[in-house]
C-alpha atoms as a PDB file:
ATOM      1  CA  MET A   1     -11.485  27.212   2.030  1.00  0.00           C
ATOM      2  CA  GLU A   2     -13.453  24.257   3.332  1.00  0.00           C
ATOM      3  CA  LYS A   3     -12.737  22.251   0.185  1.00  0.00           C
ATOM      4  CA  ASP A   4      -9.048  22.763   0.641  1.00  0.00           C
ATOM      5  CA  ILE A   5      -9.204  21.424   4.199  1.00  0.00           C
ATOM      6  CA  SER A   6     -11.158  18.263   3.209  1.00  0.00           C
ATOM      7  CA  ASN A   7      -8.780  17.585   0.387  1.00  0.00           C
ATOM      8  CA  LEU A   8      -5.837  17.603   2.666  1.00  0.00           C
ATOM      9  CA  GLU A   9      -7.547  15.141   5.061  1.00  0.00           C
ATOM     10  CA  ILE A  10      -8.015  12.818   2.177  1.00  0.00           C
ATOM     11  CA  ARG A  11      -4.339  13.003   0.941  1.00  0.00           C
ATOM     12  CA  LEU A  12      -2.958  12.290   4.425  1.00  0.00           C
ATOM     13  CA  PRO A  13      -4.013   8.618   4.817  1.00  0.00           C
ATOM     14  CA  VAL A  14      -3.144   7.952   1.212  1.00  0.00           C
ATOM     15  CA  LYS A  15       0.257   9.320   1.717  1.00  0.00           C
ATOM     16  CA  ARG A  16       0.632   7.108   4.816  1.00  0.00           C
ATOM     17  CA  LEU A  17      -0.492   4.058   2.969  1.00  0.00           C
ATOM     18  CA  ASN A  18       2.044   4.778   0.199  1.00  0.00           C
ATOM     19  CA  ARG A  19       4.868   5.037   2.782  1.00  0.00           C
ATOM     20  CA  ILE A  20       3.788   1.740   4.460  1.00  0.00           C
ATOM     21  CA  LEU A  21       3.719   0.100   0.967  1.00  0.00           C
ATOM     22  CA  SER A  22       7.271   1.445   0.149  1.00  0.00           C
ATOM     23  CA  MET A  23       8.615   0.038   3.496  1.00  0.00           C
ATOM     24  CA  LEU A  24       7.075  -3.351   2.877  1.00  0.00           C
ATOM     25  CA  LEU A  25       8.538  -3.474  -0.594  1.00  0.00           C
ATOM     26  CA  LEU A  26      11.951  -2.700   0.827  1.00  0.00           C
ATOM     27  CA  GLU A  27      11.666  -5.587   3.356  1.00  0.00           C
ATOM     28  CA  MET A  28      10.489  -7.964   0.683  1.00  0.00           C
ATOM     29  CA  LYS A  29      13.095  -7.341  -2.072  1.00  0.00           C
ATOM     30  CA  ASP A  30      15.668  -9.650  -0.421  1.00  0.00           C
ATOM     31  CA  LEU A  31      13.428 -12.648   0.192  1.00  0.00           C
ATOM     32  CA  SER A  32      13.756 -15.690  -1.780  1.00  0.00           C
ATOM     33  CA  ASP A  33      11.014 -17.877  -3.480  1.00  0.00           C
ATOM     34  CA  GLU A  34      12.552 -21.169  -2.043  1.00  0.00           C
ATOM     35  CA  ASP A  35      10.287 -23.287   0.179  1.00  0.00           C
ATOM     36  CA  ARG A  36       7.266 -21.076  -0.579  1.00  0.00           C
ATOM     37  CA  ASP A  37       3.903 -22.293  -2.036  1.00  0.00           C
ATOM     38  CA  LEU A  38       3.543 -18.906  -3.964  1.00  0.00           C
ATOM     39  CA  PRO A  39       6.332 -16.834  -5.432  1.00  0.00           C
ATOM     40  CA  ILE A  40       7.166 -13.372  -3.767  1.00  0.00           C
ATOM     41  CA  ARG A  41       5.690 -11.664  -6.787  1.00  0.00           C
ATOM     42  CA  TRP A  42       2.241 -12.973  -5.902  1.00  0.00           C
ATOM     43  CA  ASN A  43       2.563 -11.652  -2.414  1.00  0.00           C
ATOM     44  CA  ILE A  44       3.652  -8.381  -3.681  1.00  0.00           C
ATOM     45  CA  MET A  45       0.598  -8.029  -6.094  1.00  0.00           C
ATOM     46  CA  HIS A  46      -1.768  -9.105  -3.343  1.00  0.00           C
ATOM     47  CA  MET A  47      -0.321  -6.523  -1.098  1.00  0.00           C
ATOM     48  CA  TYR A  48      -0.499  -3.836  -3.763  1.00  0.00           C
ATOM     49  CA  THR A  49      -4.202  -4.639  -4.749  1.00  0.00           C
ATOM     50  CA  SER A  50      -4.957  -4.691  -0.992  1.00  0.00           C
ATOM     51  CA  LEU A  51      -3.470  -1.276  -0.560  1.00  0.00           C
ATOM     52  CA  GLN A  52      -5.436   0.115  -3.509  1.00  0.00           C
ATOM     53  CA  ILE A  53      -8.722  -1.171  -1.853  1.00  0.00           C
ATOM     54  CA  ALA A  54      -7.535   0.480   1.500  1.00  0.00           C
ATOM     55  CA  LYS A  55      -6.951   3.696  -0.439  1.00  0.00           C
ATOM     56  CA  ILE A  56     -10.424   3.689  -1.841  1.00  0.00           C
ATOM     57  CA  LEU A  57     -11.819   2.972   1.641  1.00  0.00           C
ATOM     58  CA  ALA A  58      -9.768   5.826   3.196  1.00  0.00           C
ATOM     59  CA  LEU A  59     -10.990   8.245   0.547  1.00  0.00           C
ATOM     60  CA  LYS A  60     -14.597   7.335   1.359  1.00  0.00           C
END
């Protein structure tokens, strides 16, 4: 039983991070690359990799 509870505790932060990523991607989809030093795709990839690091930290 204790294992089930700890597994649930791990899944909750990851689920929350996924929800945040989805919200951010929705906001970014209509942005333009005009007047930007780096393309939007770079920002999305940076955000995604940062999210993966946050997931790993949340699991630990």
